[in-house]
C-alpha cells in the first residue's frame, strides 16, 4: 500500500513540474533527492605544530601520517619552530596523525574524509 502511494505521489509531483506548477528545480524536493555523493575530491595540505606539555615548540620530532585504507605511512621532521606539513593528502581517505620524539608520543588525531577543509591545521602535544 505504501509503495503504491509513493509511486502515485511521485507521479503527481512529476505532472505538476511538467505542467509548470512548480519550477523544475523543485523536482528533487518533491520526488526525493538523489543519494548524496562524496564532495571531498582532490588533495589537501595537513600541517601544524608539535608542542611539549608547556606549549613550547618541539624541533626534530618525527610526525607520521598513516592512510587508514592502504596502511601506508609518510613522515616529516618538525622544523626549528615545531612546524610540519604534508602536501597531496587525498581528501577522500581517512588518516591518523601523530608525532614522536625521545620515546614520547602525542595523542593520535584523525584527518577525516568527511572534513571538507583543504588546509587541515592542528597542534600535536607531547604528554
N, C-alpha and C. Protein backbone atom coordinates (compact mmCIF):
# COMPACT_ATOMS: atom_id res chain seq x y z
N UNK A 1 0.83 -1.19 0.00
CA UNK A 1 0.00 0.00 0.00
C UNK A 1 0.87 1.26 0.00
N UNK A 2 1.87 1.27 0.88
CA UNK A 2 2.74 2.43 0.96
C UNK A 2 3.49 2.65 -0.34
N UNK A 3 3.94 1.57 -0.98
CA UNK A 3 4.69 1.68 -2.21
C UNK A 3 3.85 2.31 -3.32
N UNK A 4 2.56 1.90 -3.44
CA UNK A 4 1.68 2.48 -4.46
C UNK A 4 1.43 3.96 -4.18
N UNK A 5 1.31 4.32 -2.90
CA UNK A 5 1.10 5.72 -2.53
C UNK A 5 2.32 6.56 -2.92
N UNK A 6 3.51 6.02 -2.67
CA UNK A 6 4.74 6.73 -3.04
C UNK A 6 4.82 6.92 -4.54
N UNK A 7 4.50 5.89 -5.30
CA UNK A 7 4.52 5.97 -6.76
C UNK A 7 3.50 6.99 -7.24
N UNK A 8 2.30 6.98 -6.65
CA UNK A 8 1.26 7.93 -7.04
C UNK A 8 1.69 9.36 -6.75
N UNK A 9 2.26 9.61 -5.56
CA UNK A 9 2.71 10.95 -5.22
C UNK A 9 3.84 11.41 -6.14
N UNK A 10 4.74 10.50 -6.47
CA UNK A 10 5.83 10.85 -7.38
C UNK A 10 5.28 11.21 -8.75
N UNK A 11 4.27 10.48 -9.20
CA UNK A 11 3.64 10.77 -10.49
C UNK A 11 2.94 12.13 -10.48
N UNK A 12 2.25 12.44 -9.38
CA UNK A 12 1.58 13.73 -9.26
C UNK A 12 2.60 14.86 -9.25
N UNK A 13 3.70 14.66 -8.52
CA UNK A 13 4.74 15.68 -8.46
C UNK A 13 5.37 15.88 -9.83
N UNK A 14 5.64 14.80 -10.56
CA UNK A 14 6.22 14.92 -11.89
C UNK A 14 5.27 15.65 -12.83
N UNK A 15 3.99 15.34 -12.73
CA UNK A 15 3.00 16.01 -13.59
C UNK A 15 2.92 17.50 -13.26
N UNK A 16 3.02 17.84 -11.97
CA UNK A 16 2.96 19.24 -11.56
C UNK A 16 4.17 20.01 -12.09
N UNK A 17 5.35 19.39 -12.04
CA UNK A 17 6.54 20.03 -12.57
C UNK A 17 6.42 20.19 -14.08
N UNK A 18 5.95 19.13 -14.77
CA UNK A 18 5.79 19.18 -16.22
C UNK A 18 4.78 20.24 -16.64
N UNK A 19 3.73 20.42 -15.83
CA UNK A 19 2.70 21.41 -16.16
C UNK A 19 3.13 22.83 -15.82
N UNK A 20 4.26 22.95 -15.18
CA UNK A 20 4.75 24.29 -14.85
C UNK A 20 4.21 24.83 -13.55
N UNK A 21 3.53 23.99 -12.75
CA UNK A 21 3.00 24.43 -11.46
C UNK A 21 4.15 24.74 -10.51
N UNK A 22 5.20 23.94 -10.57
CA UNK A 22 6.38 24.15 -9.76
C UNK A 22 7.57 24.36 -10.68
N UNK A 23 8.53 25.17 -10.28
CA UNK A 23 9.75 25.31 -11.09
C UNK A 23 10.48 23.98 -11.18
N UNK A 24 11.17 23.76 -12.25
CA UNK A 24 11.87 22.49 -12.47
C UNK A 24 12.87 22.19 -11.37
N UNK A 25 13.45 23.20 -10.74
CA UNK A 25 14.44 23.00 -9.68
C UNK A 25 13.87 22.37 -8.43
N UNK A 26 12.54 22.36 -8.28
CA UNK A 26 11.94 21.76 -7.09
C UNK A 26 11.67 20.28 -7.27
N UNK A 27 12.02 19.73 -8.40
CA UNK A 27 11.76 18.31 -8.67
C UNK A 27 12.35 17.43 -7.58
N UNK A 28 13.62 17.68 -7.20
CA UNK A 28 14.26 16.84 -6.19
C UNK A 28 13.57 16.95 -4.84
N UNK A 29 13.09 18.12 -4.49
CA UNK A 29 12.40 18.29 -3.21
C UNK A 29 11.09 17.52 -3.22
N UNK A 30 10.42 17.46 -4.36
CA UNK A 30 9.13 16.78 -4.44
C UNK A 30 9.27 15.28 -4.60
N UNK A 31 10.25 14.85 -5.36
CA UNK A 31 10.35 13.44 -5.70
C UNK A 31 11.44 12.72 -4.92
N UNK A 32 12.13 13.41 -4.06
CA UNK A 32 13.21 12.78 -3.30
C UNK A 32 14.53 13.05 -3.98
N UNK A 33 15.44 13.62 -3.25
CA UNK A 33 16.74 13.97 -3.79
C UNK A 33 17.54 12.70 -4.08
N UNK A 34 18.42 12.74 -5.06
CA UNK A 34 19.27 11.59 -5.29
C UNK A 34 20.21 11.40 -4.10
N UNK A 35 20.76 10.21 -3.99
CA UNK A 35 21.65 9.91 -2.87
C UNK A 35 22.84 10.86 -2.87
N UNK A 36 23.28 11.22 -1.68
CA UNK A 36 24.41 12.14 -1.54
C UNK A 36 25.68 11.47 -2.04
N UNK A 37 26.52 12.25 -2.66
CA UNK A 37 27.81 11.77 -3.15
C UNK A 37 28.91 12.47 -2.35
N UNK A 38 30.04 11.82 -2.26
CA UNK A 38 31.17 12.43 -1.54
C UNK A 38 31.58 13.72 -2.24
N UNK A 39 31.73 14.77 -1.48
CA UNK A 39 32.11 16.06 -2.02
C UNK A 39 33.61 16.29 -1.97
N UNK A 40 34.31 15.53 -1.15
CA UNK A 40 35.73 15.78 -0.92
C UNK A 40 36.58 15.08 -1.97
N UNK A 41 36.81 15.81 -3.04
CA UNK A 41 37.61 15.28 -4.12
C UNK A 41 38.86 16.14 -4.23
N UNK A 42 39.98 15.53 -4.43
CA UNK A 42 41.21 16.28 -4.60
C UNK A 42 42.18 16.08 -3.46
N UNK A 43 43.06 17.04 -3.32
CA UNK A 43 44.15 16.96 -2.35
C UNK A 43 44.01 18.05 -1.30
N UNK A 44 44.55 17.78 -0.13
CA UNK A 44 44.59 18.77 0.94
C UNK A 44 46.01 18.86 1.49
N UNK A 45 46.24 19.90 2.28
CA UNK A 45 47.50 20.08 2.99
C UNK A 45 47.21 19.87 4.47
N UNK A 46 47.99 19.00 5.11
CA UNK A 46 47.87 18.75 6.54
C UNK A 46 49.13 19.34 7.18
N UNK A 47 48.94 20.30 8.08
CA UNK A 47 50.08 20.96 8.70
C UNK A 47 49.78 21.28 10.15
N UNK A 48 50.80 21.73 10.85
CA UNK A 48 50.59 22.09 12.25
C UNK A 48 51.90 22.26 12.99
N UNK A 49 51.79 22.17 14.32
CA UNK A 49 52.93 22.37 15.20
C UNK A 49 52.98 21.26 16.24
N UNK A 50 54.19 20.79 16.52
CA UNK A 50 54.40 19.82 17.60
C UNK A 50 54.82 20.62 18.83
N UNK A 51 54.11 20.40 19.95
CA UNK A 51 54.34 21.16 21.18
C UNK A 51 54.64 20.23 22.35
N UNK A 52 55.41 20.75 23.33
CA UNK A 52 55.61 19.98 24.56
C UNK A 52 54.48 20.29 25.54
N UNK A 53 54.56 19.74 26.74
CA UNK A 53 53.49 19.91 27.74
C UNK A 53 53.30 21.38 28.14
N UNK A 54 54.35 22.19 28.01
CA UNK A 54 54.27 23.62 28.35
C UNK A 54 53.93 24.48 27.12
N UNK A 55 53.52 23.84 26.04
CA UNK A 55 53.15 24.50 24.78
C UNK A 55 54.32 25.17 24.06
N UNK A 56 55.53 24.72 24.32
CA UNK A 56 56.70 25.20 23.59
C UNK A 56 56.90 24.30 22.36
N UNK A 57 57.31 24.87 21.23
CA UNK A 57 57.50 24.06 20.03
C UNK A 57 58.63 23.05 20.19
N UNK A 58 58.48 21.90 19.58
CA UNK A 58 59.49 20.84 19.62
C UNK A 58 60.07 20.68 18.22
N UNK A 59 61.36 20.96 18.08
CA UNK A 59 62.01 20.73 16.79
C UNK A 59 62.56 19.31 16.76
N UNK A 60 62.65 18.76 15.57
CA UNK A 60 63.23 17.43 15.41
C UNK A 60 62.32 16.28 15.76
N UNK A 61 61.04 16.55 15.99
CA UNK A 61 60.09 15.46 16.24
C UNK A 61 59.72 14.83 14.89
N UNK A 62 59.49 13.53 14.89
CA UNK A 62 59.06 12.86 13.69
C UNK A 62 57.53 12.80 13.70
N UNK A 63 56.93 13.38 12.67
CA UNK A 63 55.47 13.40 12.55
C UNK A 63 55.09 12.36 11.51
N UNK A 64 54.10 11.55 11.84
CA UNK A 64 53.64 10.48 10.95
C UNK A 64 52.21 10.74 10.51
N UNK A 65 51.92 10.41 9.25
CA UNK A 65 50.55 10.42 8.75
C UNK A 65 50.33 9.05 8.10
N UNK A 66 49.29 8.34 8.59
CA UNK A 66 49.03 6.97 8.13
C UNK A 66 47.69 6.91 7.42
N UNK A 67 47.70 6.45 6.18
CA UNK A 67 46.47 6.24 5.43
C UNK A 67 45.79 5.00 6.01
N UNK A 68 44.57 5.16 6.51
CA UNK A 68 43.89 4.05 7.18
C UNK A 68 43.38 2.98 6.22
N UNK A 69 43.28 3.30 4.94
CA UNK A 69 42.84 2.31 3.95
C UNK A 69 44.02 1.48 3.45
N UNK A 70 45.08 2.17 3.02
CA UNK A 70 46.22 1.46 2.42
C UNK A 70 47.29 1.09 3.45
N UNK A 71 47.22 1.69 4.64
CA UNK A 71 48.19 1.48 5.73
C UNK A 71 49.57 2.07 5.42
N UNK A 72 49.67 2.86 4.34
CA UNK A 72 50.96 3.49 4.03
C UNK A 72 51.19 4.65 5.00
N UNK A 73 52.46 4.86 5.35
CA UNK A 73 52.83 5.89 6.31
C UNK A 73 53.86 6.82 5.68
N UNK A 74 53.64 8.11 5.85
CA UNK A 74 54.61 9.13 5.45
C UNK A 74 55.10 9.80 6.73
N UNK A 75 56.31 10.37 6.67
CA UNK A 75 56.84 11.05 7.86
C UNK A 75 57.47 12.37 7.47
N UNK A 76 57.60 13.22 8.49
CA UNK A 76 58.17 14.55 8.31
C UNK A 76 58.84 14.93 9.62
N UNK A 77 60.00 15.55 9.58
CA UNK A 77 60.68 16.01 10.79
C UNK A 77 60.33 17.47 11.02
N UNK A 78 59.83 17.77 12.22
CA UNK A 78 59.42 19.15 12.52
C UNK A 78 60.62 20.09 12.50
N UNK A 79 60.39 21.32 12.04
CA UNK A 79 61.48 22.30 11.92
C UNK A 79 61.77 22.97 13.26
N UNK A 80 62.61 24.00 13.26
CA UNK A 80 63.03 24.68 14.48
C UNK A 80 61.86 25.30 15.25
N UNK A 81 60.78 25.60 14.55
CA UNK A 81 59.59 26.17 15.20
C UNK A 81 58.53 25.10 15.50
N UNK A 82 58.91 23.84 15.35
CA UNK A 82 58.00 22.74 15.63
C UNK A 82 56.98 22.48 14.52
N UNK A 83 57.13 23.14 13.38
CA UNK A 83 56.16 23.05 12.29
C UNK A 83 56.38 21.81 11.42
N UNK A 84 55.29 21.29 10.88
CA UNK A 84 55.33 20.19 9.93
C UNK A 84 54.28 20.44 8.85
N UNK A 85 54.45 19.77 7.70
CA UNK A 85 53.49 19.93 6.62
C UNK A 85 53.53 18.71 5.70
N UNK A 86 52.35 18.19 5.41
CA UNK A 86 52.20 17.12 4.42
C UNK A 86 51.33 17.68 3.30
N UNK A 87 51.82 17.58 2.07
CA UNK A 87 51.04 18.03 0.92
C UNK A 87 50.50 16.80 0.18
N UNK A 88 49.59 17.04 -0.72
CA UNK A 88 48.99 15.99 -1.54
C UNK A 88 48.40 14.86 -0.70
N UNK A 89 47.60 15.23 0.30
CA UNK A 89 46.89 14.27 1.13
C UNK A 89 45.49 14.10 0.53
N UNK A 90 45.16 12.90 0.14
CA UNK A 90 43.90 12.62 -0.54
C UNK A 90 42.71 12.93 0.38
N UNK A 91 41.82 13.79 -0.09
CA UNK A 91 40.66 14.19 0.72
C UNK A 91 39.61 13.08 0.85
N UNK A 92 39.66 12.08 -0.02
CA UNK A 92 38.67 11.01 0.01
C UNK A 92 39.08 9.86 0.93
N UNK A 93 40.20 10.01 1.64
CA UNK A 93 40.69 8.95 2.52
C UNK A 93 40.82 9.47 3.95
N UNK A 94 40.79 8.55 4.90
CA UNK A 94 40.97 8.88 6.32
C UNK A 94 42.42 8.60 6.72
N UNK A 95 42.93 9.44 7.64
CA UNK A 95 44.33 9.32 8.07
C UNK A 95 44.44 9.46 9.59
N UNK A 96 45.46 8.82 10.16
CA UNK A 96 45.86 9.07 11.54
C UNK A 96 47.12 9.92 11.50
N UNK A 97 47.24 10.84 12.46
CA UNK A 97 48.36 11.77 12.51
C UNK A 97 48.88 11.80 13.94
N UNK A 98 50.21 11.65 14.11
CA UNK A 98 50.82 11.72 15.43
C UNK A 98 52.30 12.06 15.30
N UNK A 99 52.92 12.41 16.43
CA UNK A 99 54.35 12.74 16.44
C UNK A 99 55.04 11.96 17.56
N UNK A 100 56.35 11.72 17.35
CA UNK A 100 57.16 11.02 18.34
C UNK A 100 58.53 11.67 18.45
N UNK A 101 59.06 11.66 19.67
CA UNK A 101 60.45 12.11 19.89
C UNK A 101 60.92 11.62 21.25
N UNK A 102 62.12 11.09 21.29
CA UNK A 102 62.75 10.62 22.53
C UNK A 102 61.84 9.70 23.34
N UNK A 103 61.19 8.79 22.67
CA UNK A 103 60.34 7.81 23.35
C UNK A 103 58.97 8.34 23.77
N UNK A 104 58.70 9.60 23.52
CA UNK A 104 57.39 10.17 23.84
C UNK A 104 56.56 10.27 22.57
N UNK A 105 55.26 10.22 22.76
CA UNK A 105 54.34 10.22 21.62
C UNK A 105 53.14 11.11 21.92
N UNK A 106 52.66 11.80 20.90
CA UNK A 106 51.45 12.62 21.06
C UNK A 106 50.22 11.73 20.91
N UNK A 107 49.08 12.26 21.29
CA UNK A 107 47.82 11.57 21.00
C UNK A 107 47.63 11.55 19.49
N UNK A 108 46.93 10.56 19.00
CA UNK A 108 46.66 10.44 17.57
C UNK A 108 45.45 11.28 17.21
N UNK A 109 45.59 12.06 16.15
CA UNK A 109 44.47 12.84 15.62
C UNK A 109 44.03 12.20 14.32
N UNK A 110 42.75 12.29 14.02
CA UNK A 110 42.21 11.75 12.79
C UNK A 110 41.95 12.87 11.80
N UNK A 111 42.40 12.66 10.58
CA UNK A 111 42.08 13.55 9.47
C UNK A 111 41.03 12.80 8.67
N UNK A 112 39.78 13.25 8.78
CA UNK A 112 38.65 12.52 8.23
C UNK A 112 38.32 12.93 6.81
N UNK A 113 37.88 11.97 6.02
CA UNK A 113 37.42 12.27 4.67
C UNK A 113 36.14 13.10 4.70
N UNK A 114 35.46 13.14 5.82
CA UNK A 114 34.24 13.96 5.96
C UNK A 114 34.57 15.42 6.19
N UNK A 115 35.81 15.72 6.53
CA UNK A 115 36.23 17.09 6.77
C UNK A 115 36.56 17.74 5.42
N UNK A 116 35.84 18.79 5.08
CA UNK A 116 35.96 19.41 3.75
C UNK A 116 37.08 20.44 3.64
N UNK A 117 37.82 20.68 4.73
CA UNK A 117 38.87 21.70 4.67
C UNK A 117 40.01 21.28 3.76
N UNK A 118 40.41 22.19 2.87
CA UNK A 118 41.57 21.94 2.00
C UNK A 118 42.87 22.10 2.78
N UNK A 119 42.86 22.93 3.82
CA UNK A 119 44.01 23.13 4.69
C UNK A 119 43.65 22.67 6.09
N UNK A 120 44.17 21.52 6.50
CA UNK A 120 43.90 20.95 7.82
C UNK A 120 45.06 21.34 8.72
N UNK A 121 44.79 22.16 9.72
CA UNK A 121 45.82 22.68 10.64
C UNK A 121 45.53 22.14 12.03
N UNK A 122 46.56 21.65 12.74
CA UNK A 122 46.34 21.15 14.09
C UNK A 122 47.62 21.24 14.93
N UNK A 123 47.46 21.08 16.22
CA UNK A 123 48.58 21.01 17.15
C UNK A 123 48.68 19.59 17.67
N UNK A 124 49.91 19.09 17.75
CA UNK A 124 50.17 17.79 18.33
C UNK A 124 50.97 18.01 19.61
N UNK A 125 50.39 17.66 20.75
CA UNK A 125 51.01 17.97 22.03
C UNK A 125 51.57 16.71 22.68
N UNK A 126 52.88 16.76 23.04
CA UNK A 126 53.53 15.66 23.74
C UNK A 126 53.03 15.59 25.17
N UNK A 127 52.93 14.39 25.66
CA UNK A 127 52.47 14.19 27.04
C UNK A 127 53.63 14.16 27.98
